[in-house]
Amino acid sequence: MSPPRAKRRLGQHFLSDPSILRRIAAATLAGPDDTVLEIGPGPGGLTAELVKLGCRVIAVERDADLLATLRARAPGAEIVEGDALHLDWHAVAGQPPGACWVITGNIPYNITTPLIDQALRPPLPARIVFLIQHEVAERLAAAPGTKAYGALTVGVRAAAEVERLFTVPAGAFKPAPKVTSAVVRLTPLLEPVVPLASQAAFRRFVVQLFGMRRKQLAGSLRQILPVAPERIQAALARLQLRPDTRAETLAPQQLWAVMQDLVDDSDGEC
């Protein structure tokens, strides 16, 4: 069987370095009692390493041309053909309530954000280990007030702890991408900053604020919320925030406090 060829239209870059594949598998911390859902397994390099851990492995692959290679390389895995963006991951994993499961994958750069959003939908996994573009990994781990800190940072960090584990050079892939990659591990918080039921509304609120990141907080809030300026001023005073503060300098906890004070229904539209 000839080696599969990556398809540019699907954003495919196959990781071929065995030592890196083993490190990613180890980073999942998965064991014999766990289920691992792998997104975008490609020709099965990581899938085979996950199977060696003794866990139940379910691999979701969109490209039908890779299925034969994938099954041959990782015969112990359950292979699901489908587009991960349009599948119910919990149904695919078939996890009973309270069971330990992990999500992992070398995910396409062009759909990283929606895949992270999908991974953080409840019921949450124990861990998420993704190989992503290094720039996105920096954004996820960025501190408030830095250039890399943004709406993606806040949305993820309101729900999970972020660890940047290690970088992966372009030469480890075939074909080599034009950027460096990095492995990140997201561990959902036992007590999330924002309640699960409110996280979608919170993300919308944060995206709107960061869309005006050069504006002062009071002015931005006046533009996105149907709230009297006096109420905004009073809320900021209660929270000990200056009106000329910019949203990009606030931690997720502070942004959630602002939303709680000013949005009457935190589960609804902002």
C-alpha atoms as a PDB file:
ATOM      1  CA  MET A   1       0.000   0.000   0.000  1.00  0.00           C
ATOM      2  CA  SER A   2       1.514   3.335  -1.084  1.00  0.00           C
ATOM      3  CA  PRO A   3       1.836   6.115   1.523  1.00  0.00           C
ATOM      4  CA  PRO A   4      -1.202   8.440   1.542  1.00  0.00           C
ATOM      5  CA  ARG A   5      -0.797  11.901   0.076  1.00  0.00           C
ATOM      6  CA  ALA A   6      -1.905  14.922   2.074  1.00  0.00           C
ATOM      7  CA  LYS A   7      -4.663  17.059   0.581  1.00  0.00           C
ATOM      8  CA  ARG A   8      -4.135  20.792   0.750  1.00  0.00           C
ATOM      9  CA  ARG A   9      -7.868  21.535   0.542  1.00  0.00           C
ATOM     10  CA  LEU A  10      -8.372  19.617   3.803  1.00  0.00           C
ATOM     11  CA  GLY A  11      -5.446  21.332   5.537  1.00  0.00           C
ATOM     12  CA  GLN A  12      -3.639  18.005   5.955  1.00  0.00           C
ATOM     13  CA  HIS A  13      -0.078  17.813   7.299  1.00  0.00           C
ATOM     14  CA  PHE A  14       0.824  14.331   8.500  1.00  0.00           C
ATOM     15  CA  LEU A  15       3.040  14.088  11.569  1.00  0.00           C
ATOM     16  CA  SER A  16       5.640  11.404  10.970  1.00  0.00           C
ATOM     17  CA  ASP A  17       8.181  11.721  13.803  1.00  0.00           C
ATOM     18  CA  PRO A  18       7.702   8.634  16.048  1.00  0.00           C
ATOM     19  CA  SER A  19       9.157  10.269  19.178  1.00  0.00           C
ATOM     20  CA  ILE A  20       6.800  13.244  18.910  1.00  0.00           C
ATOM     21  CA  LEU A  21       3.829  10.975  18.316  1.00  0.00           C
ATOM     22  CA  ARG A  22       4.712   9.067  21.486  1.00  0.00           C
ATOM     23  CA  ARG A  23       5.026  12.322  23.450  1.00  0.00           C
ATOM     24  CA  ILE A  24       1.588  13.485  22.325  1.00  0.00           C
ATOM     25  CA  ALA A  25       0.027  10.151  23.257  1.00  0.00           C
ATOM     26  CA  ALA A  26       1.715  10.288  26.669  1.00  0.00           C
ATOM     27  CA  ALA A  27       0.434  13.849  27.188  1.00  0.00           C
ATOM     28  CA  THR A  28      -3.153  12.575  27.141  1.00  0.00           C
ATOM     29  CA  LEU A  29      -2.407  10.715  30.421  1.00  0.00           C
ATOM     30  CA  ALA A  30      -4.842   8.073  29.183  1.00  0.00           C
ATOM     31  CA  GLY A  31      -4.839   4.547  30.570  1.00  0.00           C
ATOM     32  CA  PRO A  32      -6.652   1.225  30.139  1.00  0.00           C
ATOM     33  CA  ASP A  33      -9.871   2.470  31.743  1.00  0.00           C
ATOM     34  CA  ASP A  34     -10.144   5.573  29.554  1.00  0.00           C
ATOM     35  CA  THR A  35     -11.698   6.412  26.202  1.00  0.00           C
ATOM     36  CA  VAL A  36      -9.767   8.648  23.814  1.00  0.00           C
ATOM     37  CA  LEU A  37     -11.553  10.429  20.982  1.00  0.00           C
ATOM     38  CA  GLU A  38      -9.046  11.395  18.290  1.00  0.00           C
ATOM     39  CA  ILE A  39     -10.016  14.102  15.824  1.00  0.00           C
ATOM     40  CA  GLY A  40      -8.389  13.934  12.397  1.00  0.00           C
ATOM     41  CA  PRO A  41      -6.147  10.873  12.748  1.00  0.00           C
ATOM     42  CA  GLY A  42      -4.943  10.990   9.133  1.00  0.00           C
ATOM     43  CA  PRO A  43      -2.856   7.887   8.344  1.00  0.00           C
ATOM     44  CA  GLY A  44      -2.932   6.789  11.991  1.00  0.00           C
ATOM     45  CA  GLY A  45       0.468   7.617  13.461  1.00  0.00           C
ATOM     46  CA  LEU A  46      -0.935   9.024  16.699  1.00  0.00           C
ATOM     47  CA  THR A  47      -3.791   6.505  16.668  1.00  0.00           C
ATOM     48  CA  ALA A  48      -1.344   3.599  16.818  1.00  0.00           C
ATOM     49  CA  GLU A  49       0.479   5.172  19.784  1.00  0.00           C
ATOM     50  CA  LEU A  50      -2.808   5.700  21.612  1.00  0.00           C
ATOM     51  CA  VAL A  51      -3.785   2.065  21.091  1.00  0.00           C
ATOM     52  CA  LYS A  52      -0.495   1.043  22.733  1.00  0.00           C
ATOM     53  CA  LEU A  53      -1.647   2.786  25.913  1.00  0.00           C
ATOM     54  CA  GLY A  54      -4.362   0.171  26.282  1.00  0.00           C
ATOM     55  CA  CYS A  55      -7.226   2.664  26.203  1.00  0.00           C
ATOM     56  CA  ARG A  56     -10.302   2.542  24.011  1.00  0.00           C
ATOM     57  CA  VAL A  57      -9.551   4.672  20.951  1.00  0.00           C
ATOM     58  CA  ILE A  58     -12.184   6.167  18.649  1.00  0.00           C
ATOM     59  CA  ALA A  59     -10.783   8.018  15.623  1.00  0.00           C
ATOM     60  CA  VAL A  60     -12.920  10.392  13.539  1.00  0.00           C
ATOM     61  CA  GLU A  61     -11.608  10.859   9.994  1.00  0.00           C
ATOM     62  CA  ARG A  62     -13.240  12.892   7.240  1.00  0.00           C
ATOM     63  CA  ASP A  63     -11.054  11.719   4.341  1.00  0.00           C
ATOM     64  CA  ALA A  64     -12.375   8.390   3.027  1.00  0.00           C
ATOM     65  CA  ASP A  65      -9.130   7.827   1.123  1.00  0.00           C
ATOM     66  CA  LEU A  66      -7.265   7.434   4.443  1.00  0.00           C
ATOM     67  CA  LEU A  67      -9.536   4.876   6.064  1.00  0.00           C
ATOM     68  CA  ALA A  68      -7.812   1.761   4.738  1.00  0.00           C
ATOM     69  CA  THR A  69      -4.379   2.989   5.822  1.00  0.00           C
ATOM     70  CA  LEU A  70      -5.759   4.037   9.195  1.00  0.00           C
ATOM     71  CA  ARG A  71      -7.383   0.656   9.859  1.00  0.00           C
ATOM     72  CA  ALA A  72      -4.221  -1.193   8.835  1.00  0.00           C
ATOM     73  CA  ARG A  73      -1.959   0.906  11.022  1.00  0.00           C
ATOM     74  CA  ALA A  74      -4.212   0.969  14.106  1.00  0.00           C
ATOM     75  CA  PRO A  75      -6.346  -2.188  14.005  1.00  0.00           C
ATOM     76  CA  GLY A  76      -7.270  -1.810  17.653  1.00  0.00           C
ATOM     77  CA  ALA A  77      -9.029   1.522  17.129  1.00  0.00           C
ATOM     78  CA  GLU A  78     -12.665   2.172  16.287  1.00  0.00           C
ATOM     79  CA  ILE A  79     -12.791   4.212  13.082  1.00  0.00           C
ATOM     80  CA  VAL A  80     -15.629   6.651  12.401  1.00  0.00           C
ATOM     81  CA  GLU A  81     -15.890   8.296   8.992  1.00  0.00           C
ATOM     82  CA  GLY A  82     -17.272  11.816   9.244  1.00  0.00           C
ATOM     83  CA  ASP A  83     -16.649  15.524   9.574  1.00  0.00           C
ATOM     84  CA  ALA A  84     -15.834  16.306  13.217  1.00  0.00           C
ATOM     85  CA  LEU A  85     -17.355  19.769  12.849  1.00  0.00           C
ATOM     86  CA  HIS A  86     -20.774  18.242  12.236  1.00  0.00           C
ATOM     87  CA  LEU A  87     -20.740  15.228  14.561  1.00  0.00           C
ATOM     88  CA  ASP A  88     -21.923  14.916  18.139  1.00  0.00           C
ATOM     89  CA  TRP A  89     -18.651  13.951  19.833  1.00  0.00           C
ATOM     90  CA  HIS A  90     -20.375  12.687  22.957  1.00  0.00           C
ATOM     91  CA  ALA A  91     -22.598  10.362  20.923  1.00  0.00           C
ATOM     92  CA  VAL A  92     -19.591   9.140  18.934  1.00  0.00           C
ATOM     93  CA  ALA A  93     -17.617   8.428  22.107  1.00  0.00           C
ATOM     94  CA  GLY A  94     -20.632   6.720  23.655  1.00  0.00           C
ATOM     95  CA  GLN A  95     -19.530   7.769  27.093  1.00  0.00           C
ATOM     96  CA  PRO A  96     -21.762   7.059  30.078  1.00  0.00           C
ATOM     97  CA  PRO A  97     -22.149   9.946  32.562  1.00  0.00           C
ATOM     98  CA  GLY A  98     -19.126  10.349  34.802  1.00  0.00           C
ATOM     99  CA  ALA A  99     -16.792   8.195  32.673  1.00  0.00           C
ATOM    100  CA  CYS A 100     -13.253   9.449  32.065  1.00  0.00           C
ATOM    101  CA  TRP A 101     -12.600  10.413  28.469  1.00  0.00           C
ATOM    102  CA  VAL A 102     -10.002  12.431  26.616  1.00  0.00           C
ATOM    103  CA  ILE A 103      -9.998  14.335  23.320  1.00  0.00           C
ATOM    104  CA  THR A 104      -6.870  14.646  21.190  1.00  0.00           C
ATOM    105  CA  GLY A 105      -5.735  15.267  17.629  1.00  0.00           C
ATOM    106  CA  ASN A 106      -3.503  16.997  15.133  1.00  0.00           C
ATOM    107  CA  ILE A 107      -6.225  19.384  14.040  1.00  0.00           C
ATOM    108  CA  PRO A 108      -6.304  21.529  10.861  1.00  0.00           C
ATOM    109  CA  TYR A 109      -5.107  25.084  11.470  1.00  0.00           C
ATOM    110  CA  ASN A 110      -8.024  26.626   9.573  1.00  0.00           C
ATOM    111  CA  ILE A 111     -10.675  25.175  11.914  1.00  0.00           C
ATOM    112  CA  THR A 112      -8.799  25.209  15.221  1.00  0.00           C
ATOM    113  CA  THR A 113     -11.140  27.595  17.053  1.00  0.00           C
ATOM    114  CA  PRO A 114     -14.439  25.808  16.255  1.00  0.00           C
ATOM    115  CA  LEU A 115     -12.858  22.460  17.182  1.00  0.00           C
ATOM    116  CA  ILE A 116     -11.679  23.835  20.529  1.00  0.00           C
ATOM    117  CA  ASP A 117     -15.176  25.228  21.119  1.00  0.00           C
ATOM    118  CA  GLN A 118     -16.651  21.810  20.342  1.00  0.00           C
ATOM    119  CA  ALA A 119     -14.203  20.075  22.686  1.00  0.00           C
ATOM    120  CA  LEU A 120     -15.268  22.355  25.542  1.00  0.00           C
ATOM    121  CA  ARG A 121     -18.976  21.622  25.229  1.00  0.00           C
ATOM    122  CA  PRO A 122     -20.418  19.786  28.239  1.00  0.00           C
ATOM    123  CA  PRO A 123     -20.276  17.123  29.415  1.00  0.00           C
ATOM    124  CA  LEU A 124     -16.590  17.982  29.472  1.00  0.00           C
ATOM    125  CA  PRO A 125     -13.726  15.553  28.940  1.00  0.00           C
ATOM    126  CA  ALA A 126     -11.025  15.048  31.559  1.00  0.00           C
ATOM    127  CA  ARG A 127      -8.411  16.502  29.215  1.00  0.00           C
ATOM    128  CA  ILE A 128      -7.961  17.886  25.701  1.00  0.00           C
ATOM    129  CA  VAL A 129      -4.579  17.530  23.979  1.00  0.00           C
ATOM    130  CA  PHE A 130      -4.326  19.257  20.603  1.00  0.00           C
ATOM    131  CA  LEU A 131      -1.469  19.854  18.197  1.00  0.00           C
ATOM    132  CA  ILE A 132      -2.101  23.346  16.859  1.00  0.00           C
ATOM    133  CA  GLN A 133      -0.333  26.309  15.293  1.00  0.00           C
ATOM    134  CA  HIS A 134       2.254  27.763  17.684  1.00  0.00           C
ATOM    135  CA  GLU A 135       0.730  31.236  17.371  1.00  0.00           C
ATOM    136  CA  VAL A 136      -2.640  29.922  18.564  1.00  0.00           C
ATOM    137  CA  ALA A 137      -0.967  28.109  21.467  1.00  0.00           C
ATOM    138  CA  GLU A 138       0.600  31.438  22.502  1.00  0.00           C
ATOM    139  CA  ARG A 139      -2.802  33.089  22.380  1.00  0.00           C
ATOM    140  CA  LEU A 140      -4.360  30.423  24.563  1.00  0.00           C
ATOM    141  CA  ALA A 141      -1.652  30.840  27.212  1.00  0.00           C
ATOM    142  CA  ALA A 142      -1.299  34.650  26.967  1.00  0.00           C
ATOM    143  CA  ALA A 143      -1.506  36.942  29.980  1.00  0.00           C
ATOM    144  CA  PRO A 144      -3.955  39.891  30.152  1.00  0.00           C
ATOM    145  CA  GLY A 145      -2.567  43.036  28.593  1.00  0.00           C
ATOM    146  CA  THR A 146      -0.276  41.260  26.140  1.00  0.00           C
ATOM    147  CA  LYS A 147      -0.610  41.417  22.372  1.00  0.00           C
ATOM    148  CA  ALA A 148      -1.570  37.736  22.107  1.00  0.00           C
ATOM    149  CA  TYR A 149      -4.347  37.990  24.710  1.00  0.00           C
ATOM    150  CA  GLY A 150      -7.769  38.017  23.093  1.00  0.00           C
ATOM    151  CA  ALA A 151     -11.312  36.700  22.994  1.00  0.00           C
ATOM    152  CA  LEU A 152     -10.110  33.147  22.311  1.00  0.00           C
ATOM    153  CA  THR A 153      -7.850  33.289  25.365  1.00  0.00           C
ATOM    154  CA  VAL A 154     -10.659  34.470  27.612  1.00  0.00           C
ATOM    155  CA  GLY A 155     -13.241  32.013  26.317  1.00  0.00           C
ATOM    156  CA  VAL A 156     -10.977  29.019  26.816  1.00  0.00           C
ATOM    157  CA  ARG A 157      -9.476  30.103  30.123  1.00  0.00           C
ATOM    158  CA  ALA A 158     -12.934  30.690  31.583  1.00  0.00           C
ATOM    159  CA  ALA A 159     -13.467  26.946  31.245  1.00  0.00           C
ATOM    160  CA  ALA A 160     -10.051  25.284  31.348  1.00  0.00           C
ATOM    161  CA  GLU A 161      -6.456  25.448  32.490  1.00  0.00           C
ATOM    162  CA  VAL A 162      -4.033  25.808  29.560  1.00  0.00           C
ATOM    163  CA  GLU A 163      -0.589  24.189  29.384  1.00  0.00           C
ATOM    164  CA  ARG A 164       1.814  24.692  26.486  1.00  0.00           C
ATOM    165  CA  LEU A 165       3.715  21.415  26.526  1.00  0.00           C
ATOM    166  CA  PHE A 166       6.235  21.560  23.666  1.00  0.00           C
ATOM    167  CA  THR A 167       6.786  22.863  20.159  1.00  0.00           C
ATOM    168  CA  VAL A 168       6.900  20.758  17.016  1.00  0.00           C
ATOM    169  CA  PRO A 169       9.087  21.908  14.097  1.00  0.00           C
ATOM    170  CA  ALA A 170       7.664  22.086  10.590  1.00  0.00           C
ATOM    171  CA  GLY A 171      10.090  19.393   9.434  1.00  0.00           C
ATOM    172  CA  ALA A 172       8.311  16.786  11.551  1.00  0.00           C
ATOM    173  CA  PHE A 173       5.354  16.898   9.130  1.00  0.00           C
ATOM    174  CA  LYS A 174       4.817  15.717   5.571  1.00  0.00           C
ATOM    175  CA  PRO A 175       4.348  18.014   3.805  1.00  0.00           C
ATOM    176  CA  ALA A 176       5.987  20.583   6.060  1.00  0.00           C
ATOM    177  CA  PRO A 177       3.688  23.489   6.981  1.00  0.00           C
ATOM    178  CA  LYS A 178       4.946  27.052   6.803  1.00  0.00           C
ATOM    179  CA  VAL A 179       4.638  27.536  10.566  1.00  0.00           C
ATOM    180  CA  THR A 180       5.823  25.951  13.802  1.00  0.00           C
ATOM    181  CA  SER A 181       3.291  23.926  15.758  1.00  0.00           C
ATOM    182  CA  ALA A 182       2.794  23.299  19.464  1.00  0.00           C
ATOM    183  CA  VAL A 183       1.078  20.779  21.688  1.00  0.00           C
ATOM    184  CA  VAL A 184      -1.318  22.182  24.276  1.00  0.00           C
ATOM    185  CA  ARG A 185      -3.215  20.438  27.046  1.00  0.00           C
ATOM    186  CA  LEU A 186      -6.504  21.889  28.249  1.00  0.00           C
ATOM    187  CA  THR A 187      -7.824  20.628  31.570  1.00  0.00           C
ATOM    188  CA  PRO A 188     -11.415  21.691  32.299  1.00  0.00           C
ATOM    189  CA  LEU A 189     -11.689  23.502  35.636  1.00  0.00           C
ATOM    190  CA  LEU A 190     -13.538  21.760  38.439  1.00  0.00           C
ATOM    191  CA  GLU A 191     -15.147  25.131  39.150  1.00  0.00           C
ATOM    192  CA  PRO A 192     -15.201  27.094  35.888  1.00  0.00           C
ATOM    193  CA  VAL A 193     -15.006  30.874  35.989  1.00  0.00           C
ATOM    194  CA  VAL A 194     -18.277  31.014  34.068  1.00  0.00           C
ATOM    195  CA  PRO A 195     -21.077  28.472  34.662  1.00  0.00           C
ATOM    196  CA  LEU A 196     -21.422  26.063  31.751  1.00  0.00           C
ATOM    197  CA  ALA A 197     -24.930  27.321  30.965  1.00  0.00           C
ATOM    198  CA  SER A 198     -23.627  30.869  30.524  1.00  0.00           C
ATOM    199  CA  GLN A 199     -20.428  30.237  28.584  1.00  0.00           C
ATOM    200  CA  ALA A 200     -21.916  30.702  25.106  1.00  0.00           C
ATOM    201  CA  ALA A 201     -23.364  34.097  26.063  1.00  0.00           C
ATOM    202  CA  PHE A 202     -20.096  35.028  27.780  1.00  0.00           C
ATOM    203  CA  ARG A 203     -18.083  34.218  24.652  1.00  0.00           C
ATOM    204  CA  ARG A 204     -20.378  36.410  22.551  1.00  0.00           C
ATOM    205  CA  PHE A 205     -19.980  39.232  25.073  1.00  0.00           C
ATOM    206  CA  VAL A 206     -16.179  38.932  25.060  1.00  0.00           C
ATOM    207  CA  VAL A 207     -15.954  38.734  21.259  1.00  0.00           C
ATOM    208  CA  GLN A 208     -17.907  41.978  21.017  1.00  0.00           C
ATOM    209  CA  LEU A 209     -15.675  43.713  23.564  1.00  0.00           C
ATOM    210  CA  PHE A 210     -12.458  42.573  21.942  1.00  0.00           C
ATOM    211  CA  GLY A 211     -13.752  43.702  18.590  1.00  0.00           C
ATOM    212  CA  MET A 212     -13.197  47.217  19.985  1.00  0.00           C
ATOM    213  CA  ARG A 213     -10.010  46.446  21.905  1.00  0.00           C
ATOM    214  CA  ARG A 214      -8.533  49.921  21.417  1.00  0.00           C
ATOM    215  CA  LYS A 215     -11.570  51.587  22.963  1.00  0.00           C
ATOM    216  CA  GLN A 216     -12.038  52.283  26.630  1.00  0.00           C
ATOM    217  CA  LEU A 217     -14.195  49.805  28.531  1.00  0.00           C
ATOM    218  CA  ALA A 218     -17.008  52.210  29.401  1.00  0.00           C
ATOM    219  CA  GLY A 219     -17.388  53.288  25.780  1.00  0.00           C
ATOM    220  CA  SER A 220     -17.310  49.737  24.485  1.00  0.00           C
ATOM    221  CA  LEU A 221     -19.985  48.650  26.947  1.00  0.00           C
ATOM    222  CA  ARG A 222     -22.214  51.543  25.885  1.00  0.00           C
ATOM    223  CA  GLN A 223     -21.986  50.335  22.293  1.00  0.00           C
ATOM    224  CA  ILE A 224     -22.780  46.665  22.871  1.00  0.00           C
ATOM    225  CA  LEU A 225     -25.294  46.821  25.733  1.00  0.00           C
ATOM    226  CA  PRO A 226     -28.712  48.515  25.882  1.00  0.00           C
ATOM    227  CA  VAL A 227     -27.817  49.994  29.266  1.00  0.00           C
ATOM    228  CA  ALA A 228     -27.838  53.595  30.506  1.00  0.00           C
ATOM    229  CA  PRO A 229     -24.354  55.164  30.806  1.00  0.00           C
ATOM    230  CA  GLU A 230     -25.015  55.876  34.487  1.00  0.00           C
ATOM    231  CA  ARG A 231     -25.561  52.186  35.171  1.00  0.00           C
ATOM    232  CA  ILE A 232     -22.302  51.305  33.421  1.00  0.00           C
ATOM    233  CA  GLN A 233     -20.400  53.898  35.440  1.00  0.00           C
ATOM    234  CA  ALA A 234     -21.907  52.597  38.677  1.00  0.00           C
ATOM    235  CA  ALA A 235     -21.093  48.976  37.806  1.00  0.00           C
ATOM    236  CA  LEU A 236     -17.474  49.775  37.012  1.00  0.00           C
ATOM    237  CA  ALA A 237     -17.175  51.687  40.273  1.00  0.00           C
ATOM    238  CA  ARG A 238     -18.554  48.724  42.226  1.00  0.00           C
ATOM    239  CA  LEU A 239     -16.038  46.444  40.536  1.00  0.00           C
ATOM    240  CA  GLN A 240     -13.204  48.936  41.139  1.00  0.00           C
ATOM    241  CA  LEU A 241     -12.516  49.279  37.419  1.00  0.00           C
ATOM    242  CA  ARG A 242     -11.588  52.585  35.793  1.00  0.00           C
ATOM    243  CA  PRO A 243     -13.857  53.661  32.917  1.00  0.00           C
ATOM    244  CA  ASP A 244     -10.773  54.120  30.711  1.00  0.00           C
ATOM    245  CA  THR A 245      -9.641  50.537  31.303  1.00  0.00           C
ATOM    246  CA  ARG A 246      -9.430  48.442  28.140  1.00  0.00           C
ATOM    247  CA  ALA A 247     -11.007  44.992  27.950  1.00  0.00           C
ATOM    248  CA  GLU A 248      -7.714  43.415  26.862  1.00  0.00           C
ATOM    249  CA  THR A 249      -6.209  44.129  30.298  1.00  0.00           C
ATOM    250  CA  LEU A 250      -8.910  42.264  32.252  1.00  0.00           C
ATOM    251  CA  ALA A 251      -8.740  38.646  33.425  1.00  0.00           C
ATOM    252  CA  PRO A 252     -11.635  36.281  32.597  1.00  0.00           C
ATOM    253  CA  GLN A 253     -12.928  36.613  36.178  1.00  0.00           C
ATOM    254  CA  GLN A 254     -13.149  40.404  35.826  1.00  0.00           C
ATOM    255  CA  LEU A 255     -14.900  40.235  32.467  1.00  0.00           C
ATOM    256  CA  TRP A 256     -17.424  37.769  33.863  1.00  0.00           C
ATOM    257  CA  ALA A 257     -18.053  40.077  36.818  1.00  0.00           C
ATOM    258  CA  VAL A 258     -18.757  42.948  34.401  1.00  0.00           C
ATOM    259  CA  MET A 259     -21.191  40.832  32.423  1.00  0.00           C
ATOM    260  CA  GLN A 260     -22.958  39.579  35.544  1.00  0.00           C
ATOM    261  CA  ASP A 261     -23.472  43.134  36.751  1.00  0.00           C
ATOM    262  CA  LEU A 262     -24.712  44.580  33.479  1.00  0.00           C
ATOM    263  CA  VAL A 263     -26.465  41.800  31.588  1.00  0.00           C
ATOM    264  CA  ASP A 264     -29.793  41.084  33.250  1.00  0.00           C
ATOM    265  CA  ASP A 265     -29.995  37.567  31.798  1.00  0.00           C
ATOM    266  CA  SER A 266     -26.497  36.130  31.590  1.00  0.00           C
ATOM    267  CA  ASP A 267     -27.835  33.128  29.676  1.00  0.00           C
ATOM    268  CA  GLY A 268     -29.299  35.287  26.948  1.00  0.00           C
ATOM    269  CA  GLU A 269     -28.123  37.606  24.190  1.00  0.00           C
ATOM    270  CA  CYS A 270     -25.795  40.496  24.931  1.00  0.00           C
END
